[in-house]
Amino acid sequence: LNIDTAQNGIITRGVMLDIAKVRGVEWLEAGDGVFTEDLEAAEKAQGVRLEEGDALILRLGWYKRRLEKGAPESGRPGLHAETLPWLKERGISVIGGDASQDADPSGYPGIGLPVHRVGIVGMGLWLIDAGNCEELAKVCERLNRYAFMFVVAPLRFKNATGSPTNPLAIF
């Protein structure tokens, strides 16, 4: 998936699922996997449903954890590979969040980054890793609104697989 194909940006509906809040914790710990049941519980708790073409923005509290405690030597929370069929069925176009999308360890010995590998290569997903979701989470909670217009544009690099971005949520 070459960043050139998104050079004019992506504009779609964004939906934040605040997994940490729904689980009742400040943040998920390294290695904590997010499963389909977590995604569906967050949809229900937040009164929203992801639909085809949506950008899924996951708040795991990882950005906050890194600020308060620093990054651990290894591991990170993220989606478990078992969510991939659900993401495909829902037609998700972008996944962004405050971690790198993949739980590490992945739960499958010898197979790292399954969400990246299958999501990018097999499903054409755009992934936005290691963002700051804290302000967005506060606005969503204050407005009791977890869906918004999502706009993101990469820098115009040629033949690159990634780029810095400045995603925008517009309510």
Foldseek 3Di string as FASTA:
>chain_A
DFLQVQQVWDKDKEFEQELCVLVPHLADDFQAADEPVSVVSSCVVLVHDQAAAYEYEYERNVLVCCVVPNDDPDGDYAHALNCVVVCVVRNHAEYEYQAFHARPVRPDPPDPDNCCVCVCVVPVHHYHHRDDCVVVVVVCVVVSHRMFIKIWHFHNDPRDPDGDIDIDGHD
